[in-house]
Amino acid sequence: MTEHPTDFFREASVAALANPDVTTGTMMGFPCLRRAGAFFASCDHRTGDLIVRLPRDRVEELITAGVGKPFAPAGRTFREWVLIDDRDEIHWAELIDEARVFAGGKR
């Protein structure tokens, strides 16, 4: 059972963390996952919402489908980041892995 807003993120991140090039850290004070130093997934520590970095067209697809929302901290939209506020562990794990693969192609 989850007790802290970030617990769901930690549970959904288990598979990604099995990859030797994935590490944990923080991004803007949020817990995050990194691949070769590149941030690719995070969680808002206040709400527990997932935040993932994906190609711009994939972000737009998720937002258009109503699955995601723009990630816009302090009013500035990050075009390669999307916020997911549902709590579906399988979907989160899939998005986290998709973001991990995308992060690998960014370097």
N, C-alpha and C. Protein backbone atom coordinates (compact mmCIF):
# COMPACT_ATOMS: atom_id res chain seq x y z
N MET A 1 0.85 -1.19 0.00
CA MET A 1 0.00 0.00 0.00
C MET A 1 0.89 1.25 0.00
N THR A 2 0.54 2.21 -0.84
CA THR A 2 1.32 3.44 -0.90
C THR A 2 0.88 4.40 0.19
N GLU A 3 1.86 5.06 0.80
CA GLU A 3 1.58 6.00 1.88
C GLU A 3 2.07 7.40 1.58
N HIS A 4 3.08 7.52 0.75
CA HIS A 4 3.65 8.81 0.38
C HIS A 4 3.36 9.03 -1.10
N PRO A 5 3.14 10.27 -1.53
CA PRO A 5 2.82 10.51 -2.95
C PRO A 5 3.81 9.91 -3.94
N THR A 6 5.08 9.76 -3.56
CA THR A 6 6.07 9.24 -4.49
C THR A 6 6.18 7.71 -4.47
N ASP A 7 5.49 7.04 -3.56
CA ASP A 7 5.59 5.58 -3.47
C ASP A 7 5.14 4.89 -4.75
N PHE A 8 4.08 5.38 -5.39
CA PHE A 8 3.58 4.76 -6.62
C PHE A 8 4.64 4.85 -7.72
N PHE A 9 5.32 5.99 -7.81
CA PHE A 9 6.39 6.17 -8.78
C PHE A 9 7.52 5.17 -8.52
N ARG A 10 7.90 5.02 -7.27
CA ARG A 10 8.98 4.09 -6.92
C ARG A 10 8.59 2.66 -7.32
N GLU A 11 7.35 2.27 -7.08
CA GLU A 11 6.89 0.93 -7.44
C GLU A 11 6.90 0.74 -8.96
N ALA A 12 6.44 1.74 -9.70
CA ALA A 12 6.39 1.65 -11.16
C ALA A 12 7.78 1.72 -11.80
N SER A 13 8.77 2.17 -11.05
CA SER A 13 10.14 2.33 -11.56
C SER A 13 11.01 1.10 -11.39
N VAL A 14 10.53 0.09 -10.72
CA VAL A 14 11.35 -1.08 -10.40
C VAL A 14 11.97 -1.70 -11.66
N ALA A 15 11.18 -1.91 -12.70
CA ALA A 15 11.70 -2.55 -13.92
C ALA A 15 12.78 -1.68 -14.57
N ALA A 16 12.57 -0.38 -14.62
CA ALA A 16 13.57 0.51 -15.23
C ALA A 16 14.88 0.48 -14.45
N LEU A 17 14.78 0.39 -13.14
CA LEU A 17 15.97 0.38 -12.30
C LEU A 17 16.76 -0.92 -12.41
N ALA A 18 16.18 -1.94 -13.03
CA ALA A 18 16.90 -3.18 -13.27
C ALA A 18 17.95 -3.01 -14.37
N ASN A 19 17.84 -1.94 -15.16
CA ASN A 19 18.82 -1.65 -16.21
C ASN A 19 20.05 -1.02 -15.56
N PRO A 20 21.24 -1.52 -15.89
CA PRO A 20 22.45 -1.02 -15.23
C PRO A 20 22.77 0.45 -15.50
N ASP A 21 22.22 1.02 -16.57
CA ASP A 21 22.52 2.42 -16.88
C ASP A 21 21.50 3.39 -16.30
N VAL A 22 20.55 2.89 -15.51
CA VAL A 22 19.52 3.74 -14.90
C VAL A 22 19.86 3.97 -13.44
N THR A 23 19.83 5.24 -13.05
CA THR A 23 20.11 5.62 -11.66
C THR A 23 19.01 6.54 -11.17
N THR A 24 18.96 6.74 -9.88
CA THR A 24 18.01 7.68 -9.29
C THR A 24 18.70 8.99 -9.00
N GLY A 25 17.91 10.02 -8.80
CA GLY A 25 18.43 11.34 -8.46
C GLY A 25 17.27 12.26 -8.18
N THR A 26 17.52 13.56 -8.29
CA THR A 26 16.46 14.54 -8.14
C THR A 26 16.55 15.54 -9.29
N MET A 27 15.40 16.06 -9.65
CA MET A 27 15.27 17.07 -10.70
C MET A 27 14.27 18.10 -10.19
N MET A 28 14.69 19.33 -10.01
CA MET A 28 13.84 20.39 -9.47
C MET A 28 13.22 19.98 -8.14
N GLY A 29 13.95 19.20 -7.37
CA GLY A 29 13.48 18.73 -6.08
C GLY A 29 12.59 17.50 -6.15
N PHE A 30 12.30 17.01 -7.35
CA PHE A 30 11.46 15.83 -7.54
C PHE A 30 12.35 14.59 -7.66
N PRO A 31 11.92 13.44 -7.14
CA PRO A 31 12.69 12.23 -7.38
C PRO A 31 12.66 11.92 -8.87
N CYS A 32 13.75 11.39 -9.42
CA CYS A 32 13.77 11.13 -10.85
C CYS A 32 14.63 9.93 -11.18
N LEU A 33 14.50 9.52 -12.44
CA LEU A 33 15.34 8.47 -13.01
C LEU A 33 16.19 9.09 -14.08
N ARG A 34 17.43 8.59 -14.19
CA ARG A 34 18.37 9.11 -15.19
C ARG A 34 18.98 7.95 -15.94
N ARG A 35 19.30 8.20 -17.18
CA ARG A 35 20.03 7.23 -18.00
C ARG A 35 21.24 7.95 -18.56
N ALA A 36 22.41 7.47 -18.22
CA ALA A 36 23.66 8.09 -18.66
C ALA A 36 23.63 9.60 -18.38
N GLY A 37 23.09 9.97 -17.24
CA GLY A 37 23.06 11.37 -16.83
C GLY A 37 21.86 12.15 -17.31
N ALA A 38 21.08 11.60 -18.25
CA ALA A 38 19.92 12.32 -18.80
C ALA A 38 18.66 11.97 -18.01
N PHE A 39 17.96 12.99 -17.53
CA PHE A 39 16.69 12.78 -16.85
C PHE A 39 15.67 12.25 -17.84
N PHE A 40 14.89 11.24 -17.44
CA PHE A 40 13.85 10.75 -18.35
C PHE A 40 12.51 10.50 -17.67
N ALA A 41 12.48 10.40 -16.36
CA ALA A 41 11.21 10.20 -15.65
C ALA A 41 11.32 10.82 -14.27
N SER A 42 10.21 11.36 -13.81
CA SER A 42 10.19 12.00 -12.51
C SER A 42 8.78 11.87 -11.92
N CYS A 43 8.67 12.36 -10.72
CA CYS A 43 7.39 12.31 -10.01
C CYS A 43 7.26 13.57 -9.18
N ASP A 44 6.12 14.22 -9.29
CA ASP A 44 5.87 15.40 -8.47
C ASP A 44 5.71 14.93 -7.03
N HIS A 45 6.61 15.33 -6.17
CA HIS A 45 6.59 14.85 -4.78
C HIS A 45 5.38 15.33 -3.99
N ARG A 46 4.66 16.32 -4.51
CA ARG A 46 3.46 16.81 -3.81
C ARG A 46 2.22 16.02 -4.20
N THR A 47 2.08 15.71 -5.49
CA THR A 47 0.86 15.06 -6.00
C THR A 47 1.06 13.59 -6.31
N GLY A 48 2.30 13.18 -6.55
CA GLY A 48 2.58 11.81 -6.95
C GLY A 48 2.42 11.57 -8.43
N ASP A 49 2.13 12.62 -9.22
CA ASP A 49 1.93 12.46 -10.66
C ASP A 49 3.25 12.12 -11.36
N LEU A 50 3.14 11.28 -12.39
CA LEU A 50 4.28 10.89 -13.19
C LEU A 50 4.61 11.99 -14.20
N ILE A 51 5.90 12.20 -14.44
CA ILE A 51 6.38 13.15 -15.44
C ILE A 51 7.43 12.42 -16.26
N VAL A 52 7.21 12.29 -17.57
CA VAL A 52 8.17 11.57 -18.41
C VAL A 52 8.58 12.41 -19.61
N ARG A 53 9.81 12.16 -20.06
CA ARG A 53 10.35 12.85 -21.23
C ARG A 53 10.23 11.92 -22.44
N LEU A 54 9.51 12.41 -23.44
CA LEU A 54 9.24 11.64 -24.66
C LEU A 54 9.38 12.57 -25.86
N PRO A 55 9.43 12.00 -27.07
CA PRO A 55 9.47 12.87 -28.25
C PRO A 55 8.25 13.81 -28.26
N ARG A 56 8.46 14.99 -28.77
CA ARG A 56 7.43 16.02 -28.78
C ARG A 56 6.10 15.53 -29.38
N ASP A 57 6.17 14.77 -30.48
CA ASP A 57 4.94 14.29 -31.11
C ASP A 57 4.22 13.27 -30.22
N ARG A 58 4.97 12.47 -29.47
CA ARG A 58 4.37 11.50 -28.54
C ARG A 58 3.71 12.24 -27.38
N VAL A 59 4.35 13.29 -26.89
CA VAL A 59 3.75 14.10 -25.82
C VAL A 59 2.43 14.68 -26.30
N GLU A 60 2.42 15.24 -27.50
CA GLU A 60 1.19 15.82 -28.06
C GLU A 60 0.11 14.76 -28.23
N GLU A 61 0.51 13.55 -28.64
CA GLU A 61 -0.44 12.45 -28.80
C GLU A 61 -1.10 12.09 -27.47
N LEU A 62 -0.31 11.99 -26.41
CA LEU A 62 -0.84 11.66 -25.09
C LEU A 62 -1.77 12.76 -24.58
N ILE A 63 -1.41 14.00 -24.82
CA ILE A 63 -2.25 15.12 -24.38
C ILE A 63 -3.55 15.15 -25.16
N THR A 64 -3.48 14.98 -26.48
CA THR A 64 -4.68 14.98 -27.33
C THR A 64 -5.63 13.84 -26.94
N ALA A 65 -5.06 12.69 -26.59
CA ALA A 65 -5.87 11.53 -26.21
C ALA A 65 -6.47 11.68 -24.81
N GLY A 66 -6.07 12.72 -24.09
CA GLY A 66 -6.58 12.93 -22.73
C GLY A 66 -5.89 12.09 -21.68
N VAL A 67 -4.81 11.43 -22.08
CA VAL A 67 -4.05 10.58 -21.17
C VAL A 67 -3.06 11.40 -20.35
N GLY A 68 -2.53 12.46 -20.96
CA GLY A 68 -1.53 13.28 -20.31
C GLY A 68 -1.91 14.75 -20.31
N LYS A 69 -1.14 15.50 -19.56
CA LYS A 69 -1.31 16.95 -19.47
C LYS A 69 0.05 17.61 -19.72
N PRO A 70 0.04 18.84 -20.22
CA PRO A 70 1.32 19.53 -20.40
C PRO A 70 2.04 19.66 -19.05
N PHE A 71 3.34 19.49 -19.08
CA PHE A 71 4.15 19.72 -17.89
C PHE A 71 4.64 21.15 -17.97
N ALA A 72 4.12 21.99 -17.07
CA ALA A 72 4.42 23.42 -17.14
C ALA A 72 4.67 23.99 -15.75
N PRO A 73 5.80 23.62 -15.14
CA PRO A 73 6.10 24.21 -13.83
C PRO A 73 6.35 25.71 -13.97
N ALA A 74 5.83 26.45 -13.07
CA ALA A 74 5.99 27.91 -13.06
C ALA A 74 5.51 28.55 -14.37
N GLY A 75 4.56 27.89 -15.05
CA GLY A 75 3.97 28.48 -16.25
C GLY A 75 4.74 28.26 -17.54
N ARG A 76 5.90 27.62 -17.48
CA ARG A 76 6.70 27.37 -18.68
C ARG A 76 6.50 25.92 -19.12
N THR A 77 5.94 25.72 -20.32
CA THR A 77 5.67 24.38 -20.83
C THR A 77 6.95 23.74 -21.35
N PHE A 78 7.20 22.53 -20.90
CA PHE A 78 8.33 21.73 -21.38
C PHE A 78 7.76 20.80 -22.46
N ARG A 79 8.10 21.05 -23.71
CA ARG A 79 7.48 20.37 -24.84
C ARG A 79 7.80 18.89 -24.97
N GLU A 80 8.89 18.44 -24.37
CA GLU A 80 9.23 17.01 -24.43
C GLU A 80 8.89 16.30 -23.12
N TRP A 81 8.10 16.92 -22.29
CA TRP A 81 7.70 16.33 -21.02
C TRP A 81 6.18 16.32 -20.92
N VAL A 82 5.64 15.25 -20.36
CA VAL A 82 4.19 15.13 -20.17
C VAL A 82 3.92 14.65 -18.75
N LEU A 83 2.83 15.14 -18.19
CA LEU A 83 2.42 14.77 -16.84
C LEU A 83 1.27 13.77 -16.94
N ILE A 84 1.37 12.68 -16.21
CA ILE A 84 0.35 11.63 -16.20
C ILE A 84 -0.19 11.55 -14.77
N ASP A 85 -1.50 11.78 -14.62
CA ASP A 85 -2.04 11.80 -13.26
C ASP A 85 -2.90 10.59 -12.92
N ASP A 86 -3.02 9.62 -13.86
CA ASP A 86 -3.74 8.39 -13.51
C ASP A 86 -2.84 7.56 -12.60
N ARG A 87 -3.34 6.47 -12.07
CA ARG A 87 -2.55 5.61 -11.21
C ARG A 87 -2.67 4.17 -11.72
N ASP A 88 -2.10 3.94 -12.90
CA ASP A 88 -2.08 2.62 -13.51
C ASP A 88 -0.62 2.18 -13.57
N GLU A 89 -0.23 1.26 -12.70
CA GLU A 89 1.18 0.90 -12.57
C GLU A 89 1.74 0.30 -13.87
N ILE A 90 0.96 -0.49 -14.58
CA ILE A 90 1.44 -1.07 -15.84
C ILE A 90 1.66 0.03 -16.87
N HIS A 91 0.70 0.95 -16.99
CA HIS A 91 0.85 2.06 -17.94
C HIS A 91 2.06 2.92 -17.58
N TRP A 92 2.22 3.20 -16.30
CA TRP A 92 3.37 4.00 -15.87
C TRP A 92 4.68 3.30 -16.21
N ALA A 93 4.76 2.00 -15.93
CA ALA A 93 5.98 1.25 -16.23
C ALA A 93 6.29 1.29 -17.72
N GLU A 94 5.24 1.19 -18.55
CA GLU A 94 5.43 1.26 -20.00
C GLU A 94 5.94 2.64 -20.42
N LEU A 95 5.36 3.70 -19.88
CA LEU A 95 5.79 5.05 -20.22
C LEU A 95 7.20 5.33 -19.71
N ILE A 96 7.51 4.84 -18.54
CA ILE A 96 8.86 5.01 -17.99
C ILE A 96 9.87 4.32 -18.89
N ASP A 97 9.55 3.11 -19.35
CA ASP A 97 10.46 2.40 -20.24
C ASP A 97 10.58 3.11 -21.59
N GLU A 98 9.47 3.60 -22.10
CA GLU A 98 9.49 4.36 -23.35
C GLU A 98 10.39 5.59 -23.21
N ALA A 99 10.30 6.26 -22.07
CA ALA A 99 11.14 7.43 -21.81
C ALA A 99 12.61 7.03 -21.66
N ARG A 100 12.86 5.88 -21.04
CA ARG A 100 14.24 5.38 -20.88
C ARG A 100 14.87 5.14 -22.25
N VAL A 101 14.12 4.51 -23.14
CA VAL A 101 14.62 4.26 -24.50
C VAL A 101 14.87 5.57 -25.22
N PHE A 102 13.95 6.53 -25.09
CA PHE A 102 14.12 7.84 -25.71
C PHE A 102 15.36 8.54 -25.18
N ALA A 103 15.60 8.45 -23.89
CA ALA A 103 16.78 9.08 -23.28
C ALA A 103 18.06 8.48 -23.83
N GLY A 104 18.03 7.20 -24.15
CA GLY A 104 19.22 6.56 -24.71
C GLY A 104 19.57 7.06 -26.09
N GLY A 105 18.58 7.49 -26.85
CA GLY A 105 18.81 8.01 -28.18
C GLY A 105 19.19 9.48 -28.20
N LYS A 106 19.08 10.16 -27.06
CA LYS A 106 19.33 11.61 -26.98
C LYS A 106 20.82 11.91 -26.90
N ARG A 107 21.64 10.95 -26.56
CA ARG A 107 23.08 11.20 -26.36
C ARG A 107 23.86 10.83 -27.58
